[in-house]
Amino acid sequence: MHNHDFWEEAVPALRENLDTIHTVAEWAAATGYSRAYFSILVRQKLEEAPSAIIRREKFKKVKRLVRENPTQKGHLIAKKTGFKNVKSLYKFLRRHFDTTLTAIRKGAKNSL
């Protein structure tokens, strides 16, 4: 991948492998860059840390999965988004987005 098409490949690589990409190093490897250079490219493009982008994409996927199937079990959502268990998913939601799976479900019901 060359710098000019970096972003066109980086985002799909993350979204397609969101269940297996947990770190910036893993995302960088999926695009063929070193972690350090990849981080520089992402920060230049978005002025945001790559780890924050990973978190945001995982959160968007959780919300999409809940919207598609509001009664889907938490452990299945955790698995589909790359968390080792539902407790890790709950911790992620609380720590980074100050929310819960229940609140996301309520929001999905209200938007229907």
PDB file of N, CA and C in Angstrom:
ATOM      1  N   MET A   1       0.850  -1.164   0.000  1.00  0.00           N
ATOM      2  CA  MET A   1       0.000   0.000   0.000  1.00  0.00           C
ATOM      3  C   MET A   1       0.902   1.235   0.000  1.00  0.00           C
ATOM      4  N   HIS A   2       0.562   2.194  -0.809  1.00  0.00           N
ATOM      5  CA  HIS A   2       1.322   3.430  -0.878  1.00  0.00           C
ATOM      6  C   HIS A   2       0.581   4.505  -0.108  1.00  0.00           C
ATOM      7  N   ASN A   3       1.323   5.552   0.224  1.00  0.00           N
ATOM      8  CA  ASN A   3       0.755   6.616   1.045  1.00  0.00           C
ATOM      9  C   ASN A   3      -0.496   7.238   0.424  1.00  0.00           C
ATOM     10  N   HIS A   4      -0.546   7.376  -0.903  1.00  0.00           N
ATOM     11  CA  HIS A   4      -1.682   8.047  -1.533  1.00  0.00           C
ATOM     12  C   HIS A   4      -2.991   7.276  -1.372  1.00  0.00           C
ATOM     13  N   ASP A   5      -2.925   5.975  -1.299  1.00  0.00           N
ATOM     14  CA  ASP A   5      -4.162   5.204  -1.135  1.00  0.00           C
ATOM     15  C   ASP A   5      -4.253   4.582   0.256  1.00  0.00           C
ATOM     16  N   PHE A   6      -3.419   5.069   1.155  1.00  0.00           N
ATOM     17  CA  PHE A   6      -3.359   4.551   2.517  1.00  0.00           C
ATOM     18  C   PHE A   6      -4.736   4.502   3.176  1.00  0.00           C
ATOM     19  N   TRP A   7      -5.436   5.622   3.189  1.00  0.00           N
ATOM     20  CA  TRP A   7      -6.695   5.698   3.923  1.00  0.00           C
ATOM     21  C   TRP A   7      -7.788   4.860   3.286  1.00  0.00           C
ATOM     22  N   GLU A   8      -7.794   4.770   1.948  1.00  0.00           N
ATOM     23  CA  GLU A   8      -8.795   3.965   1.245  1.00  0.00           C
ATOM     24  C   GLU A   8      -8.665   2.483   1.586  1.00  0.00           C
ATOM     25  N   GLU A   9      -7.479   2.080   2.017  1.00  0.00           N
ATOM     26  CA  GLU A   9      -7.275   0.680   2.401  1.00  0.00           C
ATOM     27  C   GLU A   9      -7.292   0.473   3.912  1.00  0.00           C
ATOM     28  N   ALA A  10      -6.891   1.482   4.650  1.00  0.00           N
ATOM     29  CA  ALA A  10      -6.801   1.334   6.111  1.00  0.00           C
ATOM     30  C   ALA A  10      -8.166   1.157   6.759  1.00  0.00           C
ATOM     31  N   VAL A  11      -9.138   1.974   6.361  1.00  0.00           N
ATOM     32  CA  VAL A  11     -10.466   1.904   6.978  1.00  0.00           C
ATOM     33  C   VAL A  11     -11.164   0.583   6.655  1.00  0.00           C
ATOM     34  N   PRO A  12     -11.204   0.154   5.369  1.00  0.00           N
ATOM     35  CA  PRO A  12     -11.813  -1.153   5.090  1.00  0.00           C
ATOM     36  C   PRO A  12     -11.099  -2.299   5.810  1.00  0.00           C
ATOM     37  N   ALA A  13      -9.774  -2.226   5.922  1.00  0.00           N
ATOM     38  CA  ALA A  13      -9.036  -3.274   6.634  1.00  0.00           C
ATOM     39  C   ALA A  13      -9.492  -3.362   8.081  1.00  0.00           C
ATOM     40  N   LEU A  14      -9.719  -2.202   8.701  1.00  0.00           N
ATOM     41  CA  LEU A  14     -10.197  -2.194  10.086  1.00  0.00           C
ATOM     42  C   LEU A  14     -11.615  -2.734  10.174  1.00  0.00           C
ATOM     43  N   ARG A  15     -12.501  -2.210   9.350  1.00  0.00           N
ATOM     44  CA  ARG A  15     -13.910  -2.613   9.431  1.00  0.00           C
ATOM     45  C   ARG A  15     -14.113  -4.095   9.113  1.00  0.00           C
ATOM     46  N   GLU A  16     -13.360  -4.615   8.163  1.00  0.00           N
ATOM     47  CA  GLU A  16     -13.508  -6.024   7.784  1.00  0.00           C
ATOM     48  C   GLU A  16     -12.915  -6.969   8.816  1.00  0.00           C
ATOM     49  N   ASN A  17     -11.986  -6.476   9.619  1.00  0.00           N
ATOM     50  CA  ASN A  17     -11.301  -7.329  10.596  1.00  0.00           C
ATOM     51  C   ASN A  17     -11.496  -6.836  12.025  1.00  0.00           C
ATOM     52  N   LEU A  18     -12.574  -6.148  12.269  1.00  0.00           N
ATOM     53  CA  LEU A  18     -12.811  -5.534  13.571  1.00  0.00           C
ATOM     54  C   LEU A  18     -12.858  -6.559  14.704  1.00  0.00           C
ATOM     55  N   ASP A  19     -13.265  -7.763  14.389  1.00  0.00           N
ATOM     56  CA  ASP A  19     -13.337  -8.791  15.430  1.00  0.00           C
ATOM     57  C   ASP A  19     -11.963  -9.363  15.783  1.00  0.00           C
ATOM     58  N   THR A  20     -10.956  -9.115  14.932  1.00  0.00           N
ATOM     59  CA  THR A  20      -9.612  -9.629  15.220  1.00  0.00           C
ATOM     60  C   THR A  20      -8.580  -8.532  15.437  1.00  0.00           C
ATOM     61  N   ILE A  21      -8.909  -7.289  15.096  1.00  0.00           N
ATOM     62  CA  ILE A  21      -7.985  -6.177  15.339  1.00  0.00           C
ATOM     63  C   ILE A  21      -8.332  -5.555  16.685  1.00  0.00           C
ATOM     64  N   HIS A  22      -7.368  -5.642  17.602  1.00  0.00           N
ATOM     65  CA  HIS A  22      -7.574  -5.112  18.950  1.00  0.00           C
ATOM     66  C   HIS A  22      -6.616  -3.969  19.268  1.00  0.00           C
ATOM     67  N   THR A  23      -5.512  -3.913  18.521  1.00  0.00           N
ATOM     68  CA  THR A  23      -4.481  -2.918  18.813  1.00  0.00           C
ATOM     69  C   THR A  23      -4.088  -2.163  17.546  1.00  0.00           C
ATOM     70  N   VAL A  24      -3.414  -1.049  17.739  1.00  0.00           N
ATOM     71  CA  VAL A  24      -2.906  -0.281  16.608  1.00  0.00           C
ATOM     72  C   VAL A  24      -1.889  -1.128  15.837  1.00  0.00           C
ATOM     73  N   ALA A  25      -1.072  -1.888  16.538  1.00  0.00           N
ATOM     74  CA  ALA A  25      -0.076  -2.739  15.874  1.00  0.00           C
ATOM     75  C   ALA A  25      -0.760  -3.762  14.955  1.00  0.00           C
ATOM     76  N   GLU A  26      -1.867  -4.325  15.394  1.00  0.00           N
ATOM     77  CA  GLU A  26      -2.595  -5.297  14.560  1.00  0.00           C
ATOM     78  C   GLU A  26      -3.220  -4.614  13.349  1.00  0.00           C
ATOM     79  N   TRP A  27      -3.741  -3.414  13.534  1.00  0.00           N
ATOM     80  CA  TRP A  27      -4.313  -2.664  12.415  1.00  0.00           C
ATOM     81  C   TRP A  27      -3.221  -2.296  11.419  1.00  0.00           C
ATOM     82  N   ALA A  28      -2.092  -1.844  11.935  1.00  0.00           N
ATOM     83  CA  ALA A  28      -0.961  -1.490  11.075  1.00  0.00           C
ATOM     84  C   ALA A  28      -0.491  -2.707  10.275  1.00  0.00           C
ATOM     85  N   ALA A  29      -0.379  -3.850  10.939  1.00  0.00           N
ATOM     86  CA  ALA A  29       0.054  -5.080  10.259  1.00  0.00           C
ATOM     87  C   ALA A  29      -0.918  -5.458   9.146  1.00  0.00           C
ATOM     88  N   ALA A  30      -2.207  -5.245   9.372  1.00  0.00           N
ATOM     89  CA  ALA A  30      -3.216  -5.581   8.361  1.00  0.00           C
ATOM     90  C   ALA A  30      -3.085  -4.703   7.117  1.00  0.00           C
ATOM     91  N   THR A  31      -2.424  -3.553   7.261  1.00  0.00           N
ATOM     92  CA  THR A  31      -2.246  -2.640   6.134  1.00  0.00           C
ATOM     93  C   THR A  31      -0.823  -2.664   5.579  1.00  0.00           C
ATOM     94  N   GLY A  32       0.061  -3.416   6.242  1.00  0.00           N
ATOM     95  CA  GLY A  32       1.431  -3.542   5.755  1.00  0.00           C
ATOM     96  C   GLY A  32       2.387  -2.471   6.234  1.00  0.00           C
ATOM     97  N   TYR A  33       2.030  -1.735   7.259  1.00  0.00           N
ATOM     98  CA  TYR A  33       2.882  -0.685   7.804  1.00  0.00           C
ATOM     99  C   TYR A  33       3.384  -1.063   9.189  1.00  0.00           C
ATOM    100  N   SER A  34       4.477  -0.413   9.583  1.00  0.00           N
ATOM    101  CA  SER A  34       4.911  -0.545  10.972  1.00  0.00           C
ATOM    102  C   SER A  34       3.928   0.244  11.826  1.00  0.00           C
ATOM    103  N   ARG A  35       3.847  -0.115  13.091  1.00  0.00           N
ATOM    104  CA  ARG A  35       2.922   0.575  13.982  1.00  0.00           C
ATOM    105  C   ARG A  35       3.261   2.061  14.078  1.00  0.00           C
ATOM    106  N   ALA A  36       4.538   2.377  14.196  1.00  0.00           N
ATOM    107  CA  ALA A  36       4.954   3.771  14.358  1.00  0.00           C
ATOM    108  C   ALA A  36       4.594   4.606  13.126  1.00  0.00           C
ATOM    109  N   TYR A  37       4.934   4.118  11.944  1.00  0.00           N
ATOM    110  CA  TYR A  37       4.651   4.879  10.722  1.00  0.00           C
ATOM    111  C   TYR A  37       3.146   4.981  10.483  1.00  0.00           C
ATOM    112  N   PHE A  38       2.449   3.893  10.744  1.00  0.00           N
ATOM    113  CA  PHE A  38       0.996   3.873  10.598  1.00  0.00           C
ATOM    114  C   PHE A  38       0.356   4.933  11.495  1.00  0.00           C
ATOM    115  N   SER A  39       0.812   5.012  12.736  1.00  0.00           N
ATOM    116  CA  SER A  39       0.272   5.998  13.676  1.00  0.00           C
ATOM    117  C   SER A  39       0.500   7.421  13.164  1.00  0.00           C
ATOM    118  N   ILE A  40       1.659   7.669  12.608  1.00  0.00           N
ATOM    119  CA  ILE A  40       1.953   8.992  12.045  1.00  0.00           C
ATOM    120  C   ILE A  40       0.998   9.299  10.902  1.00  0.00           C
ATOM    121  N   LEU A  41       0.802   8.342   9.995  1.00  0.00           N
ATOM    122  CA  LEU A  41      -0.096   8.555   8.856  1.00  0.00           C
ATOM    123  C   LEU A  41      -1.530   8.836   9.311  1.00  0.00           C
ATOM    124  N   VAL A  42      -2.010   8.078  10.276  1.00  0.00           N
ATOM    125  CA  VAL A  42      -3.378   8.266  10.773  1.00  0.00           C
ATOM    126  C   VAL A  42      -3.515   9.634  11.431  1.00  0.00           C
ATOM    127  N   ARG A  43      -2.548   9.990  12.257  1.00  0.00           N
ATOM    128  CA  ARG A  43      -2.609  11.288  12.940  1.00  0.00           C
ATOM    129  C   ARG A  43      -2.546  12.442  11.942  1.00  0.00           C
ATOM    130  N   GLN A  44      -1.767  12.288  10.881  1.00  0.00           N
ATOM    131  CA  GLN A  44      -1.696  13.331   9.849  1.00  0.00           C
ATOM    132  C   GLN A  44      -3.030  13.450   9.122  1.00  0.00           C
ATOM    133  N   LYS A  45      -3.661  12.316   8.864  1.00  0.00           N
ATOM    134  CA  LYS A  45      -4.915  12.305   8.114  1.00  0.00           C
ATOM    135  C   LYS A  45      -6.087  12.831   8.951  1.00  0.00           C
ATOM    136  N   LEU A  46      -6.182  12.387  10.202  1.00  0.00           N
ATOM    137  CA  LEU A  46      -7.369  12.690  11.015  1.00  0.00           C
ATOM    138  C   LEU A  46      -7.123  13.525  12.257  1.00  0.00           C
ATOM    139  N   GLU A  47      -5.865  13.750  12.586  1.00  0.00           N
ATOM    140  CA  GLU A  47      -5.528  14.443  13.834  1.00  0.00           C
ATOM    141  C   GLU A  47      -6.168  13.749  15.034  1.00  0.00           C
ATOM    142  N   GLU A  48      -6.123  12.438  14.992  1.00  0.00           N
ATOM    143  CA  GLU A  48      -6.711  11.609  16.049  1.00  0.00           C
ATOM    144  C   GLU A  48      -5.865  10.348  16.203  1.00  0.00           C
ATOM    145  N   ALA A  49      -5.810   9.833  17.406  1.00  0.00           N
ATOM    146  CA  ALA A  49      -5.040   8.621  17.663  1.00  0.00           C
ATOM    147  C   ALA A  49      -5.714   7.417  17.009  1.00  0.00           C
ATOM    148  N   PRO A  50      -4.932   6.526  16.402  1.00  0.00           N
ATOM    149  CA  PRO A  50      -5.526   5.329  15.788  1.00  0.00           C
ATOM    150  C   PRO A  50      -6.311   4.479  16.793  1.00  0.00           C
ATOM    151  N   SER A  51      -5.871   4.460  18.034  1.00  0.00           N
ATOM    152  CA  SER A  51      -6.591   3.670  19.048  1.00  0.00           C
ATOM    153  C   SER A  51      -8.004   4.216  19.256  1.00  0.00           C
ATOM    154  N   ALA A  52      -8.162   5.529  19.168  1.00  0.00           N
ATOM    155  CA  ALA A  52      -9.492   6.135  19.309  1.00  0.00           C
ATOM    156  C   ALA A  52     -10.389   5.742  18.132  1.00  0.00           C
ATOM    157  N   ILE A  53      -9.808   5.611  16.967  1.00  0.00           N
ATOM    158  CA  ILE A  53     -10.576   5.202  15.790  1.00  0.00           C
ATOM    159  C   ILE A  53     -11.033   3.751  15.930  1.00  0.00           C
ATOM    160  N   ILE A  54     -10.157   2.905  16.431  1.00  0.00           N
ATOM    161  CA  ILE A  54     -10.528   1.502  16.666  1.00  0.00           C
ATOM    162  C   ILE A  54     -11.702   1.442  17.640  1.00  0.00           C
ATOM    163  N   ARG A  55     -11.602   2.181  18.734  1.00  0.00           N
ATOM    164  CA  ARG A  55     -12.687   2.193  19.731  1.00  0.00           C
ATOM    165  C   ARG A  55     -13.995   2.672  19.107  1.00  0.00           C
ATOM    166  N   ARG A  56     -13.928   3.750  18.347  1.00  0.00           N
ATOM    167  CA  ARG A  56     -15.134   4.299  17.742  1.00  0.00           C
ATOM    168  C   ARG A  56     -15.763   3.308  16.751  1.00  0.00           C
ATOM    169  N   GLU A  57     -14.937   2.641  15.959  1.00  0.00           N
ATOM    170  CA  GLU A  57     -15.466   1.669  15.001  1.00  0.00           C
ATOM    171  C   GLU A  57     -16.103   0.482  15.717  1.00  0.00           C
ATOM    172  N   LYS A  58     -15.488   0.035  16.807  1.00  0.00           N
ATOM    173  CA  LYS A  58     -16.082  -1.063  17.581  1.00  0.00           C
ATOM    174  C   LYS A  58     -17.428  -0.629  18.170  1.00  0.00           C
ATOM    175  N   PHE A  59     -17.490   0.599  18.686  1.00  0.00           N
ATOM    176  CA  PHE A  59     -18.729   1.119  19.250  1.00  0.00           C
ATOM    177  C   PHE A  59     -19.815   1.210  18.181  1.00  0.00           C
ATOM    178  N   LYS A  60     -19.461   1.698  17.003  1.00  0.00           N
ATOM    179  CA  LYS A  60     -20.426   1.782  15.903  1.00  0.00           C
ATOM    180  C   LYS A  60     -20.940   0.398  15.520  1.00  0.00           C
ATOM    181  N   LYS A  61     -20.043  -0.597  15.549  1.00  0.00           N
ATOM    182  CA  LYS A  61     -20.473  -1.951  15.201  1.00  0.00           C
ATOM    183  C   LYS A  61     -21.413  -2.506  16.276  1.00  0.00           C
ATOM    184  N   VAL A  62     -21.117  -2.260  17.533  1.00  0.00           N
ATOM    185  CA  VAL A  62     -22.010  -2.703  18.618  1.00  0.00           C
ATOM    186  C   VAL A  62     -23.399  -2.095  18.399  1.00  0.00           C
ATOM    187  N   LYS A  63     -23.452  -0.792  18.151  1.00  0.00           N
ATOM    188  CA  LYS A  63     -24.741  -0.130  17.940  1.00  0.00           C
ATOM    189  C   LYS A  63     -25.471  -0.694  16.721  1.00  0.00           C
ATOM    190  N   ARG A  64     -24.740  -0.969  15.653  1.00  0.00           N
ATOM    191  CA  ARG A  64     -25.357  -1.526  14.446  1.00  0.00           C
ATOM    192  C   ARG A  64     -25.921  -2.919  14.721  1.00  0.00           C
ATOM    193  N   LEU A  65     -25.157  -3.748  15.430  1.00  0.00           N
ATOM    194  CA  LEU A  65     -25.620  -5.096  15.751  1.00  0.00           C
ATOM    195  C   LEU A  65     -26.880  -5.055  16.613  1.00  0.00           C
ATOM    196  N   VAL A  66     -26.932  -4.141  17.559  1.00  0.00           N
ATOM    197  CA  VAL A  66     -28.108  -4.007  18.419  1.00  0.00           C
ATOM    198  C   VAL A  66     -29.299  -3.510  17.605  1.00  0.00           C
ATOM    199  N   ARG A  67     -29.061  -2.547  16.730  1.00  0.00           N
ATOM    200  CA  ARG A  67     -30.141  -2.018  15.885  1.00  0.00           C
ATOM    201  C   ARG A  67     -30.709  -3.122  14.990  1.00  0.00           C
ATOM    202  N   GLU A  68     -29.829  -3.956  14.431  1.00  0.00           N
ATOM    203  CA  GLU A  68     -30.268  -5.034  13.548  1.00  0.00           C
ATOM    204  C   GLU A  68     -31.030  -6.124  14.297  1.00  0.00           C
ATOM    205  N   ASN A  69     -30.646  -6.370  15.552  1.00  0.00           N
ATOM    206  CA  ASN A  69     -31.285  -7.410  16.345  1.00  0.00           C
ATOM    207  C   ASN A  69     -31.237  -7.017  17.828  1.00  0.00           C
ATOM    208  N   PRO A  70     -32.218  -6.228  18.288  1.00  0.00           N
ATOM    209  CA  PRO A  70     -32.206  -5.716  19.661  1.00  0.00           C
ATOM    210  C   PRO A  70     -32.214  -6.790  20.746  1.00  0.00           C
ATOM    211  N   THR A  71     -32.642  -8.002  20.433  1.00  0.00           N
ATOM    212  CA  THR A  71     -32.691  -9.051  21.452  1.00  0.00           C
ATOM    213  C   THR A  71     -31.465  -9.965  21.407  1.00  0.00           C
ATOM    214  N   GLN A  72     -30.520  -9.649  20.538  1.00  0.00           N
ATOM    215  CA  GLN A  72     -29.313 -10.470  20.436  1.00  0.00           C
ATOM    216  C   GLN A  72     -28.572 -10.478  21.777  1.00  0.00           C
ATOM    217  N   LYS A  73     -28.112 -11.623  22.179  1.00  0.00           N
ATOM    218  CA  LYS A  73     -27.430 -11.788  23.459  1.00  0.00           C
ATOM    219  C   LYS A  73     -26.105 -11.043  23.478  1.00  0.00           C
ATOM    220  N   GLY A  74     -25.770 -10.523  24.644  1.00  0.00           N
ATOM    221  CA  GLY A  74     -24.538  -9.762  24.810  1.00  0.00           C
ATOM    222  C   GLY A  74     -23.292 -10.532  24.441  1.00  0.00           C
ATOM    223  N   HIS A  75     -23.254 -11.831  24.766  1.00  0.00           N
ATOM    224  CA  HIS A  75     -22.042 -12.600  24.456  1.00  0.00           C
ATOM    225  C   HIS A  75     -21.845 -12.750  22.951  1.00  0.00           C
ATOM    226  N   LEU A  76     -22.930 -12.768  22.172  1.00  0.00           N
ATOM    227  CA  LEU A  76     -22.800 -12.831  20.716  1.00  0.00           C
ATOM    228  C   LEU A  76     -22.301 -11.505  20.153  1.00  0.00           C
ATOM    229  N   ILE A  77     -22.788 -10.414  20.693  1.00  0.00           N
ATOM    230  CA  ILE A  77     -22.313  -9.091  20.270  1.00  0.00           C
ATOM    231  C   ILE A  77     -20.835  -8.959  20.620  1.00  0.00           C
ATOM    232  N   ALA A  78     -20.468  -9.415  21.813  1.00  0.00           N
ATOM    233  CA  ALA A  78     -19.059  -9.363  22.222  1.00  0.00           C
ATOM    234  C   ALA A  78     -18.189 -10.144  21.246  1.00  0.00           C
ATOM    235  N   LYS A  79     -18.619 -11.336  20.893  1.00  0.00           N
ATOM    236  CA  LYS A  79     -17.841 -12.179  19.978  1.00  0.00           C
ATOM    237  C   LYS A  79     -17.700 -11.524  18.603  1.00  0.00           C
ATOM    238  N   LYS A  80     -18.787 -10.958  18.093  1.00  0.00           N
ATOM    239  CA  LYS A  80     -18.780 -10.351  16.759  1.00  0.00           C
ATOM    240  C   LYS A  80     -17.962  -9.065  16.694  1.00  0.00           C
ATOM    241  N   THR A  81     -17.702  -8.476  17.846  1.00  0.00           N
ATOM    242  CA  THR A  81     -16.925  -7.244  17.872  1.00  0.00           C
ATOM    243  C   THR A  81     -15.516  -7.457  18.431  1.00  0.00           C
ATOM    244  N   GLY A  82     -15.164  -8.722  18.674  1.00  0.00           N
ATOM    245  CA  GLY A  82     -13.794  -9.046  19.050  1.00  0.00           C
ATOM    246  C   GLY A  82     -13.459  -8.996  20.525  1.00  0.00           C
ATOM    247  N   PHE A  83     -14.469  -8.954  21.384  1.00  0.00           N
ATOM    248  CA  PHE A  83     -14.204  -8.978  22.814  1.00  0.00           C
ATOM    249  C   PHE A  83     -14.165 -10.423  23.291  1.00  0.00           C
ATOM    250  N   LYS A  84     -13.310 -10.690  24.276  1.00  0.00           N
ATOM    251  CA  LYS A  84     -13.156 -12.077  24.723  1.00  0.00           C
ATOM    252  C   LYS A  84     -14.387 -12.593  25.456  1.00  0.00           C
ATOM    253  N   ASN A  85     -15.165 -11.681  26.040  1.00  0.00           N
ATOM    254  CA  ASN A  85     -16.397 -12.082  26.718  1.00  0.00           C
ATOM    255  C   ASN A  85     -17.282 -10.852  26.909  1.00  0.00           C
ATOM    256  N   VAL A  86     -18.477 -11.085  27.396  1.00  0.00           N
ATOM    257  CA  VAL A  86     -19.440  -9.995  27.562  1.00  0.00           C
ATOM    258  C   VAL A  86     -18.979  -9.000  28.628  1.00  0.00           C
ATOM    259  N   LYS A  87     -18.265  -9.479  29.625  1.00  0.00           N
ATOM    260  CA  LYS A  87     -17.753  -8.578  30.663  1.00  0.00           C
ATOM    261  C   LYS A  87     -16.786  -7.556  30.054  1.00  0.00           C
ATOM    262  N   SER A  88     -15.946  -8.006  29.130  1.00  0.00           N
ATOM    263  CA  SER A  88     -15.015  -7.091  28.456  1.00  0.00           C
ATOM    264  C   SER A  88     -15.770  -6.062  27.627  1.00  0.00           C
ATOM    265  N   LEU A  89     -16.847  -6.496  26.983  1.00  0.00           N
ATOM    266  CA  LEU A  89     -17.676  -5.574  26.203  1.00  0.00           C
ATOM    267  C   LEU A  89     -18.301  -4.523  27.121  1.00  0.00           C
ATOM    268  N   TYR A  90     -18.880  -4.955  28.232  1.00  0.00           N
ATOM    269  CA  TYR A  90     -19.501  -4.025  29.178  1.00  0.00           C
ATOM    270  C   TYR A  90     -18.479  -3.010  29.705  1.00  0.00           C
ATOM    271  N   LYS A  91     -17.294  -3.497  30.040  1.00  0.00           N
ATOM    272  CA  LYS A  91     -16.233  -2.634  30.553  1.00  0.00           C
ATOM    273  C   LYS A  91     -15.830  -1.593  29.499  1.00  0.00           C
ATOM    274  N   PHE A  92     -15.691  -2.034  28.259  1.00  0.00           N
ATOM    275  CA  PHE A  92     -15.359  -1.152  27.134  1.00  0.00           C
ATOM    276  C   PHE A  92     -16.412  -0.054  26.981  1.00  0.00           C
ATOM    277  N   LEU A  93     -17.682  -0.452  26.979  1.00  0.00           N
ATOM    278  CA  LEU A  93     -18.769   0.519  26.801  1.00  0.00           C
ATOM    279  C   LEU A  93     -18.785   1.540  27.932  1.00  0.00           C
ATOM    280  N   ARG A  94     -18.620   1.080  29.144  1.00  0.00           N
ATOM    281  CA  ARG A  94     -18.663   1.962  30.312  1.00  0.00           C
ATOM    282  C   ARG A  94     -17.452   2.896  30.331  1.00  0.00           C
ATOM    283  N   ARG A  95     -16.274   2.329  30.123  1.00  0.00           N
ATOM    284  CA  ARG A  95     -15.036   3.100  30.238  1.00  0.00           C
ATOM    285  C   ARG A  95     -14.893   4.155  29.135  1.00  0.00           C
ATOM    286  N   HIS A  96     -15.177   3.755  27.907  1.00  0.00           N
ATOM    287  CA  HIS A  96     -14.885   4.648  26.784  1.00  0.00           C
ATOM    288  C   HIS A  96     -16.077   5.471  26.298  1.00  0.00           C
ATOM    289  N   PHE A  97     -17.286   5.013  26.572  1.00  0.00           N
ATOM    290  CA  PHE A  97     -18.458   5.708  26.043  1.00  0.00           C
ATOM    291  C   PHE A  97     -19.507   6.005  27.102  1.00  0.00           C
ATOM    292  N   ASP A  98     -19.204   5.668  28.354  1.00  0.00           N
ATOM    293  CA  ASP A  98     -20.090   5.940  29.485  1.00  0.00           C
ATOM    294  C   ASP A  98     -21.522   5.494  29.201  1.00  0.00           C
ATOM    295  N   THR A  99     -21.635   4.271  28.695  1.00  0.00           N
ATOM    296  CA  THR A  99     -22.954   3.719  28.405  1.00  0.00           C
ATOM    297  C   THR A  99     -22.954   2.225  28.697  1.00  0.00           C
ATOM    298  N   THR A 100     -24.099   1.618  28.487  1.00  0.00           N
ATOM    299  CA  THR A 100     -24.248   0.176  28.691  1.00  0.00           C
ATOM    300  C   THR A 100     -24.966  -0.417  27.491  1.00  0.00           C
ATOM    301  N   LEU A 101     -24.931  -1.733  27.389  1.00  0.00           N
ATOM    302  CA  LEU A 101     -25.653  -2.426  26.321  1.00  0.00           C
ATOM    303  C   LEU A 101     -27.157  -2.186  26.471  1.00  0.00           C
ATOM    304  N   THR A 102     -27.636  -2.133  27.682  1.00  0.00           N
ATOM    305  CA  THR A 102     -29.057  -1.873  27.929  1.00  0.00           C
ATOM    306  C   THR A 102     -29.450  -0.491  27.399  1.00  0.00           C
ATOM    307  N   ALA A 103     -28.621   0.510  27.660  1.00  0.00           N
ATOM    308  CA  ALA A 103     -28.907   1.860  27.176  1.00  0.00           C
ATOM    309  C   ALA A 103     -28.894   1.909  25.651  1.00  0.00           C
ATOM    310  N   ILE A 104     -27.979   1.181  25.034  1.00  0.00           N
ATOM    311  CA  ILE A 104     -27.917   1.132  23.567  1.00  0.00           C
ATOM    312  C   ILE A 104     -29.177   0.462  23.025  1.00  0.00           C
ATOM    313  N   ARG A 105     -29.605  -0.603  23.699  1.00  0.00           N
ATOM    314  CA  ARG A 105     -30.842  -1.285  23.282  1.00  0.00           C
ATOM    315  C   ARG A 105     -32.050  -0.348  23.383  1.00  0.00           C
ATOM    316  N   LYS A 106     -32.129   0.399  24.482  1.00  0.00           N
ATOM    317  CA  LYS A 106     -33.240   1.344  24.655  1.00  0.00           C
ATOM    318  C   LYS A 106     -33.204   2.403  23.569  1.00  0.00           C
ATOM    319  N   GLY A 107     -32.010   2.883  23.250  1.00  0.00           N
ATOM    320  CA  GLY A 107     -31.866   3.866  22.182  1.00  0.00           C
ATOM    321  C   GLY A 107     -32.278   3.306  20.831  1.00  0.00           C
ATOM    322  N   ALA A 108     -31.973   2.025  20.600  1.00  0.00           N
ATOM    323  CA  ALA A 108     -32.345   1.376  19.331  1.00  0.00           C
ATOM    324  C   ALA A 108     -33.868   1.232  19.244  1.00  0.00           C
ATOM    325  N   LYS A 109     -34.502   0.886  20.353  1.00  0.00           N
ATOM    326  CA  LYS A 109     -35.972   0.752  20.365  1.00  0.00           C
ATOM    327  C   LYS A 109     -36.642   2.090  20.104  1.00  0.00           C
ATOM    328  N   ASN A 110     -36.091   3.151  20.708  1.00  0.00           N
ATOM    329  CA  ASN A 110     -36.669   4.475  20.553  1.00  0.00           C
ATOM    330  C   ASN A 110     -36.506   5.032  19.143  1.00  0.00           C
ATOM    331  N   SER A 111     -35.510   4.536  18.413  1.00  0.00           N
ATOM    332  CA  SER A 111     -35.274   5.053  17.064  1.00  0.00           C
ATOM    333  C   SER A 111     -36.037   4.269  16.000  1.00  0.00           C
ATOM    334  N   LEU A 112     -36.735   3.212  16.427  1.00  0.00           N
ATOM    335  CA  LEU A 112     -37.499   2.413  15.456  1.00  0.00           C
ATOM    336  C   LEU A 112     -38.818   3.078  15.110  1.00  0.00           C
TER     337      LEU A 112
END
